[in-house]
Amino acid sequence: EEENWWVPKVFRAHKSTVLAVSWHPNSTILATCSSDGLCSVFSAYIKEVDGPADGRPAFKTQLLKMDHTNGAWINDVAWSPSGDVLSFVSHDSSIFFVHPFEMNGGEPVFQKLFLKDLPLRSVQFISERAIVGAGDDCTPYVFVQEGSGWVFKGELS
């Protein structure tokens, strides 16, 4: 009984290969990205693991679907330490910053920055207001939140 912690659940949400996943800090929300050009956010709430629902959406409920890359693969996805910001990078040399729980006319607040160089392959928050991305240019880049937006701060060398 005490080793009965494993509750396998499977769902199909993308039309192509899932390239990365990122757990929200609250452990009941999952972000996924794929070679189908979609970044999605799902409820990963499982009653047997997480306890009473308390208004949380059911397992595999799609909370957000983002298709802003014109079909470009989305290489990686990451949550900020608080879970207030979601970032993902795509093969069209762009990085996105999404505030999925801040709504602007019913849509989440998001920002897209284009890079002048090759695409990023991975992103990792280093603080609530700073993220590092690295990819095909062999150079890590730093982005920071300034005011209400995100800006490219420079290369790590």
N, C-alpha and C. Protein backbone atom coordinates (compact mmCIF):
# COMPACT_ATOMS: atom_id res chain seq x y z
N GLU A 1 0.82 -1.20 0.00
CA GLU A 1 0.00 0.00 0.00
C GLU A 1 0.86 1.26 0.00
N GLU A 2 1.91 1.30 0.82
CA GLU A 2 2.73 2.51 0.90
C GLU A 2 3.55 2.75 -0.35
N GLU A 3 3.67 1.74 -1.22
CA GLU A 3 4.42 1.92 -2.47
C GLU A 3 3.47 2.14 -3.64
N ASN A 4 2.23 2.40 -3.38
CA ASN A 4 1.24 2.59 -4.42
C ASN A 4 1.15 4.05 -4.81
N TRP A 5 2.26 4.64 -5.24
CA TRP A 5 2.31 6.05 -5.62
C TRP A 5 2.25 6.24 -7.13
N TRP A 6 2.43 5.20 -7.88
CA TRP A 6 2.50 5.30 -9.33
C TRP A 6 1.10 5.25 -9.92
N VAL A 7 0.68 6.32 -10.61
CA VAL A 7 -0.63 6.37 -11.26
C VAL A 7 -0.40 6.75 -12.71
N PRO A 8 -0.20 5.76 -13.59
CA PRO A 8 0.10 6.09 -14.98
C PRO A 8 -1.12 6.64 -15.71
N LYS A 9 -0.89 7.71 -16.47
CA LYS A 9 -1.93 8.32 -17.28
C LYS A 9 -1.31 8.68 -18.62
N VAL A 10 -2.02 8.48 -19.70
CA VAL A 10 -1.52 8.78 -21.04
C VAL A 10 -2.61 9.55 -21.79
N PHE A 11 -2.17 10.54 -22.55
CA PHE A 11 -3.10 11.20 -23.46
C PHE A 11 -2.35 11.70 -24.67
N ARG A 12 -3.04 11.76 -25.77
CA ARG A 12 -2.45 12.23 -27.01
C ARG A 12 -2.99 13.64 -27.28
N ALA A 13 -2.06 14.59 -27.40
CA ALA A 13 -2.50 15.98 -27.54
C ALA A 13 -1.91 16.68 -28.75
N HIS A 14 -0.87 16.10 -29.33
CA HIS A 14 -0.21 16.72 -30.47
C HIS A 14 -0.32 15.80 -31.68
N LYS A 15 -0.16 16.38 -32.87
CA LYS A 15 -0.22 15.60 -34.10
C LYS A 15 1.17 15.12 -34.52
N SER A 16 2.18 15.48 -33.74
CA SER A 16 3.54 15.13 -34.09
C SER A 16 4.35 14.94 -32.81
N THR A 17 5.65 14.75 -32.98
CA THR A 17 6.55 14.44 -31.87
C THR A 17 6.56 15.53 -30.80
N VAL A 18 6.38 15.14 -29.56
CA VAL A 18 6.52 16.06 -28.43
C VAL A 18 8.02 16.21 -28.17
N LEU A 19 8.52 17.44 -28.23
CA LEU A 19 9.95 17.69 -28.11
C LEU A 19 10.38 18.04 -26.68
N ALA A 20 9.46 18.58 -25.88
CA ALA A 20 9.81 18.93 -24.50
C ALA A 20 8.54 19.09 -23.68
N VAL A 21 8.69 18.91 -22.38
CA VAL A 21 7.61 19.15 -21.42
C VAL A 21 8.19 19.93 -20.25
N SER A 22 7.34 20.66 -19.56
CA SER A 22 7.77 21.40 -18.38
C SER A 22 6.64 21.40 -17.36
N TRP A 23 6.97 20.94 -16.15
CA TRP A 23 6.00 20.94 -15.07
C TRP A 23 5.92 22.32 -14.44
N HIS A 24 4.71 22.79 -14.23
CA HIS A 24 4.48 24.02 -13.49
C HIS A 24 4.92 23.78 -12.04
N PRO A 25 5.40 24.82 -11.35
CA PRO A 25 5.82 24.63 -9.95
C PRO A 25 4.75 24.06 -9.03
N ASN A 26 3.47 24.22 -9.36
CA ASN A 26 2.43 23.65 -8.49
C ASN A 26 2.20 22.16 -8.75
N SER A 27 2.88 21.60 -9.73
CA SER A 27 2.88 20.18 -10.11
C SER A 27 1.54 19.65 -10.62
N THR A 28 0.58 20.51 -10.90
CA THR A 28 -0.68 20.04 -11.48
C THR A 28 -0.95 20.63 -12.86
N ILE A 29 0.04 21.31 -13.43
CA ILE A 29 -0.09 21.88 -14.77
C ILE A 29 1.15 21.47 -15.56
N LEU A 30 0.93 21.07 -16.81
CA LEU A 30 2.02 20.60 -17.67
C LEU A 30 2.00 21.38 -18.98
N ALA A 31 3.15 21.92 -19.37
CA ALA A 31 3.30 22.57 -20.68
C ALA A 31 4.03 21.61 -21.59
N THR A 32 3.58 21.53 -22.84
CA THR A 32 4.21 20.66 -23.83
C THR A 32 4.48 21.45 -25.09
N CYS A 33 5.51 21.04 -25.82
CA CYS A 33 5.77 21.65 -27.12
C CYS A 33 6.13 20.55 -28.10
N SER A 34 5.93 20.85 -29.39
CA SER A 34 5.99 19.78 -30.36
C SER A 34 6.48 20.26 -31.72
N SER A 35 6.81 19.28 -32.55
CA SER A 35 7.19 19.59 -33.92
C SER A 35 5.97 19.92 -34.79
N ASP A 36 4.77 19.90 -34.22
CA ASP A 36 3.58 20.34 -34.96
C ASP A 36 3.37 21.86 -34.85
N GLY A 37 4.31 22.55 -34.17
CA GLY A 37 4.23 24.00 -34.06
C GLY A 37 3.34 24.50 -32.93
N LEU A 38 2.94 23.61 -32.05
CA LEU A 38 2.04 24.01 -30.96
C LEU A 38 2.74 23.93 -29.61
N CYS A 39 2.42 24.88 -28.77
CA CYS A 39 2.77 24.83 -27.36
C CYS A 39 1.44 24.80 -26.61
N SER A 40 1.26 23.81 -25.77
CA SER A 40 -0.01 23.65 -25.08
C SER A 40 0.21 23.53 -23.58
N VAL A 41 -0.80 23.93 -22.84
CA VAL A 41 -0.79 23.82 -21.39
C VAL A 41 -2.00 22.99 -20.99
N PHE A 42 -1.75 21.96 -20.18
CA PHE A 42 -2.79 21.02 -19.77
C PHE A 42 -2.87 20.91 -18.26
N SER A 43 -4.04 20.54 -17.80
CA SER A 43 -4.18 20.17 -16.40
C SER A 43 -3.60 18.77 -16.24
N ALA A 44 -2.75 18.61 -15.24
CA ALA A 44 -2.17 17.31 -14.93
C ALA A 44 -2.66 16.84 -13.56
N TYR A 45 -3.77 17.44 -13.13
CA TYR A 45 -4.34 17.10 -11.83
C TYR A 45 -4.83 15.64 -11.86
N ILE A 46 -4.38 14.86 -10.89
CA ILE A 46 -4.81 13.47 -10.75
C ILE A 46 -5.30 13.30 -9.32
N LYS A 47 -6.57 13.02 -9.19
CA LYS A 47 -7.20 12.95 -7.88
C LYS A 47 -6.46 12.01 -6.93
N GLU A 48 -6.02 10.85 -7.44
CA GLU A 48 -5.36 9.86 -6.60
C GLU A 48 -4.02 10.34 -6.05
N VAL A 49 -3.42 11.33 -6.70
CA VAL A 49 -2.12 11.85 -6.29
C VAL A 49 -2.25 13.21 -5.61
N ASP A 50 -3.09 14.08 -6.19
CA ASP A 50 -3.16 15.48 -5.75
C ASP A 50 -4.26 15.77 -4.75
N GLY A 51 -5.10 14.80 -4.44
CA GLY A 51 -6.15 15.00 -3.45
C GLY A 51 -7.40 15.64 -4.05
N PRO A 52 -8.23 16.23 -3.19
CA PRO A 52 -9.49 16.83 -3.65
C PRO A 52 -9.28 17.88 -4.74
N ALA A 53 -10.22 17.94 -5.66
CA ALA A 53 -10.10 18.81 -6.83
C ALA A 53 -10.05 20.29 -6.47
N ASP A 54 -10.83 20.74 -5.51
CA ASP A 54 -10.87 22.14 -5.12
C ASP A 54 -10.96 23.08 -6.31
N GLY A 55 -11.79 22.71 -7.28
CA GLY A 55 -12.01 23.56 -8.45
C GLY A 55 -10.99 23.41 -9.57
N ARG A 56 -10.00 22.54 -9.40
CA ARG A 56 -9.00 22.34 -10.45
C ARG A 56 -9.60 21.59 -11.62
N PRO A 57 -9.19 21.93 -12.85
CA PRO A 57 -9.72 21.23 -14.02
C PRO A 57 -9.29 19.76 -14.04
N ALA A 58 -10.08 18.94 -14.68
CA ALA A 58 -9.81 17.51 -14.77
C ALA A 58 -8.53 17.23 -15.57
N PHE A 59 -7.93 16.08 -15.33
CA PHE A 59 -6.74 15.64 -16.04
C PHE A 59 -6.93 15.77 -17.55
N LYS A 60 -5.91 16.23 -18.21
CA LYS A 60 -5.76 16.45 -19.65
C LYS A 60 -6.68 17.54 -20.23
N THR A 61 -7.31 18.34 -19.38
CA THR A 61 -8.05 19.50 -19.87
C THR A 61 -7.05 20.49 -20.44
N GLN A 62 -7.26 20.88 -21.70
CA GLN A 62 -6.35 21.84 -22.32
C GLN A 62 -6.70 23.24 -21.83
N LEU A 63 -5.74 23.85 -21.14
CA LEU A 63 -5.95 25.18 -20.58
C LEU A 63 -5.55 26.28 -21.55
N LEU A 64 -4.61 25.98 -22.43
CA LEU A 64 -4.10 26.98 -23.36
C LEU A 64 -3.46 26.27 -24.55
N LYS A 65 -3.70 26.79 -25.74
CA LYS A 65 -3.10 26.26 -26.96
C LYS A 65 -2.54 27.45 -27.74
N MET A 66 -1.23 27.42 -27.98
CA MET A 66 -0.57 28.54 -28.65
C MET A 66 -0.01 28.07 -29.98
N ASP A 67 -0.40 28.76 -31.03
CA ASP A 67 0.03 28.42 -32.38
C ASP A 67 0.48 29.71 -33.06
N HIS A 68 1.63 30.24 -32.64
CA HIS A 68 2.10 31.53 -33.13
C HIS A 68 3.38 31.43 -33.93
N THR A 69 3.75 30.21 -34.36
CA THR A 69 5.04 30.03 -35.02
C THR A 69 4.93 29.76 -36.51
N ASN A 70 3.72 29.82 -37.07
CA ASN A 70 3.52 29.51 -38.48
C ASN A 70 4.04 28.12 -38.82
N GLY A 71 3.84 27.18 -37.92
CA GLY A 71 4.21 25.80 -38.16
C GLY A 71 5.63 25.42 -37.80
N ALA A 72 6.44 26.37 -37.33
CA ALA A 72 7.82 26.05 -36.96
C ALA A 72 7.83 25.15 -35.73
N TRP A 73 8.74 24.22 -35.68
CA TRP A 73 8.89 23.36 -34.52
C TRP A 73 9.12 24.19 -33.27
N ILE A 74 8.57 23.76 -32.18
CA ILE A 74 8.86 24.40 -30.90
C ILE A 74 9.83 23.48 -30.17
N ASN A 75 11.02 23.99 -29.92
CA ASN A 75 12.13 23.17 -29.43
C ASN A 75 12.13 22.93 -27.93
N ASP A 76 11.68 23.91 -27.15
CA ASP A 76 11.73 23.76 -25.69
C ASP A 76 10.73 24.68 -25.04
N VAL A 77 10.39 24.37 -23.80
CA VAL A 77 9.43 25.14 -23.03
C VAL A 77 9.86 25.13 -21.57
N ALA A 78 9.64 26.23 -20.85
CA ALA A 78 10.04 26.31 -19.44
C ALA A 78 9.13 27.27 -18.69
N TRP A 79 8.85 26.93 -17.44
CA TRP A 79 8.11 27.81 -16.53
C TRP A 79 9.09 28.61 -15.68
N SER A 80 8.71 29.83 -15.34
CA SER A 80 9.49 30.61 -14.37
C SER A 80 9.35 29.96 -13.00
N PRO A 81 10.22 30.30 -12.06
CA PRO A 81 10.14 29.69 -10.73
C PRO A 81 8.78 29.83 -10.05
N SER A 82 8.08 30.94 -10.27
CA SER A 82 6.76 31.12 -9.65
C SER A 82 5.65 30.49 -10.47
N GLY A 83 5.93 30.19 -11.73
CA GLY A 83 4.90 29.67 -12.63
C GLY A 83 4.06 30.75 -13.26
N ASP A 84 4.44 32.02 -13.08
CA ASP A 84 3.67 33.12 -13.66
C ASP A 84 4.01 33.39 -15.11
N VAL A 85 5.17 32.90 -15.56
CA VAL A 85 5.61 33.12 -16.94
C VAL A 85 5.99 31.79 -17.56
N LEU A 86 5.58 31.61 -18.81
CA LEU A 86 5.95 30.44 -19.59
C LEU A 86 6.74 30.94 -20.79
N SER A 87 7.87 30.30 -21.06
CA SER A 87 8.66 30.69 -22.23
C SER A 87 8.85 29.48 -23.12
N PHE A 88 8.85 29.72 -24.43
CA PHE A 88 9.18 28.64 -25.35
C PHE A 88 9.93 29.21 -26.54
N VAL A 89 10.74 28.34 -27.15
CA VAL A 89 11.57 28.75 -28.29
C VAL A 89 11.22 27.90 -29.49
N SER A 90 11.25 28.55 -30.66
CA SER A 90 10.86 27.82 -31.87
C SER A 90 11.95 27.86 -32.92
N HIS A 91 11.77 26.99 -33.90
CA HIS A 91 12.77 26.82 -34.96
C HIS A 91 12.80 28.00 -35.94
N ASP A 92 11.89 28.95 -35.79
CA ASP A 92 11.94 30.15 -36.65
C ASP A 92 12.75 31.26 -35.99
N SER A 93 13.64 30.88 -35.05
CA SER A 93 14.53 31.82 -34.36
C SER A 93 13.76 32.84 -33.53
N SER A 94 12.76 32.37 -32.82
CA SER A 94 12.01 33.27 -31.95
C SER A 94 11.92 32.68 -30.55
N ILE A 95 11.70 33.57 -29.60
CA ILE A 95 11.46 33.17 -28.21
C ILE A 95 10.17 33.87 -27.77
N PHE A 96 9.34 33.14 -27.09
CA PHE A 96 8.06 33.65 -26.61
C PHE A 96 8.05 33.75 -25.10
N PHE A 97 7.36 34.75 -24.61
CA PHE A 97 7.12 34.91 -23.18
C PHE A 97 5.62 35.05 -23.01
N VAL A 98 5.05 34.14 -22.25
CA VAL A 98 3.59 34.10 -22.09
C VAL A 98 3.26 34.23 -20.62
N HIS A 99 2.29 35.08 -20.34
CA HIS A 99 1.73 35.21 -18.99
C HIS A 99 0.35 34.57 -19.06
N PRO A 100 0.29 33.22 -18.91
CA PRO A 100 -0.96 32.52 -19.20
C PRO A 100 -2.10 32.83 -18.25
N PHE A 101 -1.80 33.38 -17.08
CA PHE A 101 -2.87 33.64 -16.13
C PHE A 101 -3.22 35.12 -16.05
N GLU A 102 -2.57 35.95 -16.89
CA GLU A 102 -2.93 37.37 -17.03
C GLU A 102 -3.68 37.49 -18.34
N MET A 103 -4.91 37.88 -18.27
CA MET A 103 -5.72 37.94 -19.48
C MET A 103 -5.86 39.36 -20.00
N ASN A 104 -5.80 39.47 -21.31
CA ASN A 104 -5.98 40.74 -22.00
C ASN A 104 -7.11 40.53 -22.99
N GLY A 105 -8.32 40.87 -22.60
CA GLY A 105 -9.47 40.64 -23.48
C GLY A 105 -9.73 39.17 -23.70
N GLY A 106 -9.49 38.33 -22.70
CA GLY A 106 -9.73 36.90 -22.83
C GLY A 106 -8.55 36.10 -23.35
N GLU A 107 -7.53 36.76 -23.83
CA GLU A 107 -6.34 36.09 -24.33
C GLU A 107 -5.18 36.30 -23.36
N PRO A 108 -4.32 35.29 -23.20
CA PRO A 108 -3.15 35.49 -22.34
C PRO A 108 -2.21 36.52 -22.93
N VAL A 109 -1.51 37.22 -22.08
CA VAL A 109 -0.54 38.22 -22.51
C VAL A 109 0.71 37.49 -22.98
N PHE A 110 1.13 37.76 -24.24
CA PHE A 110 2.35 37.13 -24.71
C PHE A 110 3.17 38.09 -25.55
N GLN A 111 4.46 37.79 -25.62
CA GLN A 111 5.41 38.60 -26.36
C GLN A 111 6.31 37.67 -27.17
N LYS A 112 6.61 38.06 -28.39
CA LYS A 112 7.47 37.27 -29.26
C LYS A 112 8.66 38.12 -29.66
N LEU A 113 9.87 37.60 -29.43
CA LEU A 113 11.09 38.27 -29.87
C LEU A 113 11.76 37.42 -30.94
N PHE A 114 12.19 38.07 -32.03
CA PHE A 114 12.92 37.36 -33.07
C PHE A 114 14.41 37.54 -32.85
N LEU A 115 15.16 36.46 -33.06
CA LEU A 115 16.61 36.51 -32.98
C LEU A 115 17.17 36.74 -34.37
N LYS A 116 18.32 37.41 -34.44
CA LYS A 116 18.93 37.64 -35.75
C LYS A 116 19.75 36.45 -36.21
N ASP A 117 19.95 35.49 -35.30
CA ASP A 117 20.82 34.36 -35.59
C ASP A 117 20.03 33.06 -35.65
N LEU A 118 20.73 31.95 -35.49
CA LEU A 118 20.12 30.63 -35.57
C LEU A 118 19.21 30.37 -34.37
N PRO A 119 18.32 29.37 -34.48
CA PRO A 119 17.34 29.13 -33.42
C PRO A 119 17.94 28.64 -32.11
N LEU A 120 17.22 28.93 -31.04
CA LEU A 120 17.54 28.39 -29.73
C LEU A 120 16.97 26.98 -29.64
N ARG A 121 17.64 26.12 -28.91
CA ARG A 121 17.19 24.74 -28.71
C ARG A 121 16.66 24.50 -27.30
N SER A 122 17.13 25.32 -26.35
CA SER A 122 16.67 25.13 -24.97
C SER A 122 16.62 26.46 -24.24
N VAL A 123 15.77 26.51 -23.23
CA VAL A 123 15.65 27.69 -22.38
C VAL A 123 15.57 27.25 -20.93
N GLN A 124 16.11 28.10 -20.05
CA GLN A 124 16.08 27.80 -18.63
C GLN A 124 16.01 29.12 -17.85
N PHE A 125 14.99 29.25 -17.01
CA PHE A 125 14.91 30.43 -16.16
C PHE A 125 16.01 30.35 -15.12
N ILE A 126 16.71 31.47 -14.92
CA ILE A 126 17.72 31.54 -13.86
C ILE A 126 17.22 32.38 -12.69
N SER A 127 16.12 33.09 -12.91
CA SER A 127 15.41 33.80 -11.86
C SER A 127 14.02 34.11 -12.40
N GLU A 128 13.22 34.78 -11.60
CA GLU A 128 11.86 35.11 -12.04
C GLU A 128 11.87 36.07 -13.23
N ARG A 129 12.91 36.88 -13.35
CA ARG A 129 12.95 37.91 -14.39
C ARG A 129 14.13 37.75 -15.35
N ALA A 130 14.73 36.55 -15.40
CA ALA A 130 15.86 36.32 -16.31
C ALA A 130 15.84 34.88 -16.81
N ILE A 131 16.19 34.71 -18.08
CA ILE A 131 16.19 33.39 -18.70
C ILE A 131 17.40 33.30 -19.63
N VAL A 132 17.96 32.11 -19.72
CA VAL A 132 19.07 31.85 -20.63
C VAL A 132 18.57 30.89 -21.70
N GLY A 133 18.92 31.20 -22.95
CA GLY A 133 18.61 30.32 -24.06
C GLY A 133 19.88 29.97 -24.81
N ALA A 134 19.95 28.74 -25.31
CA ALA A 134 21.12 28.31 -26.07
C ALA A 134 20.65 27.47 -27.25
N GLY A 135 21.48 27.46 -28.29
CA GLY A 135 21.07 26.68 -29.45
C GLY A 135 22.14 26.52 -30.49
N ASP A 136 21.74 26.67 -31.74
CA ASP A 136 22.60 26.35 -32.87
C ASP A 136 23.74 27.33 -33.09
N ASP A 137 23.75 28.46 -32.41
CA ASP A 137 24.85 29.43 -32.54
C ASP A 137 26.00 29.16 -31.58
N CYS A 138 25.85 28.15 -30.74
CA CYS A 138 26.90 27.79 -29.76
C CYS A 138 27.18 28.91 -28.77
N THR A 139 26.22 29.81 -28.60
CA THR A 139 26.38 30.93 -27.67
C THR A 139 25.12 31.08 -26.85
N PRO A 140 25.21 31.01 -25.53
CA PRO A 140 24.03 31.26 -24.69
C PRO A 140 23.65 32.74 -24.70
N TYR A 141 22.36 33.00 -24.73
CA TYR A 141 21.82 34.36 -24.72
C TYR A 141 21.03 34.58 -23.44
N VAL A 142 21.07 35.80 -22.94
CA VAL A 142 20.32 36.16 -21.74
C VAL A 142 19.20 37.13 -22.13
N PHE A 143 18.02 36.88 -21.61
CA PHE A 143 16.86 37.75 -21.78
C PHE A 143 16.38 38.12 -20.39
N VAL A 144 15.95 39.37 -20.22
CA VAL A 144 15.46 39.81 -18.92
C VAL A 144 14.14 40.56 -19.09
N GLN A 145 13.37 40.54 -18.03
CA GLN A 145 12.12 41.30 -18.03
C GLN A 145 12.43 42.70 -17.52
N GLU A 146 12.08 43.67 -18.34
CA GLU A 146 12.22 45.07 -17.96
C GLU A 146 10.87 45.73 -18.10
N GLY A 147 10.34 46.20 -17.00
CA GLY A 147 8.99 46.76 -17.02
C GLY A 147 8.00 45.66 -17.34
N SER A 148 7.15 45.87 -18.33
CA SER A 148 6.14 44.89 -18.66
C SER A 148 6.57 43.99 -19.82
N GLY A 149 7.82 44.15 -20.32
CA GLY A 149 8.24 43.34 -21.45
C GLY A 149 9.59 42.68 -21.25
N TRP A 150 9.94 41.80 -22.16
CA TRP A 150 11.20 41.08 -22.13
C TRP A 150 12.12 41.62 -23.22
N VAL A 151 13.40 41.68 -22.91
CA VAL A 151 14.39 42.21 -23.86
C VAL A 151 15.62 41.29 -23.89
N PHE A 152 16.29 41.31 -25.03
CA PHE A 152 17.56 40.61 -25.17
C PHE A 152 18.60 41.41 -24.43
N LYS A 153 19.31 40.78 -23.49
CA LYS A 153 20.29 41.51 -22.67
C LYS A 153 21.71 41.31 -23.19
N GLY A 154 22.01 40.16 -23.80
CA GLY A 154 23.35 39.96 -24.33
C GLY A 154 23.74 38.49 -24.36
N GLU A 155 24.98 38.28 -24.82
CA GLU A 155 25.53 36.93 -24.91
C GLU A 155 26.34 36.63 -23.66
N LEU A 156 26.35 35.36 -23.28
CA LEU A 156 27.26 34.92 -22.24
C LEU A 156 28.55 34.49 -22.92
N SER A 157 29.65 35.00 -22.45
CA SER A 157 30.90 34.61 -23.09
C SER A 157 31.93 34.17 -22.07
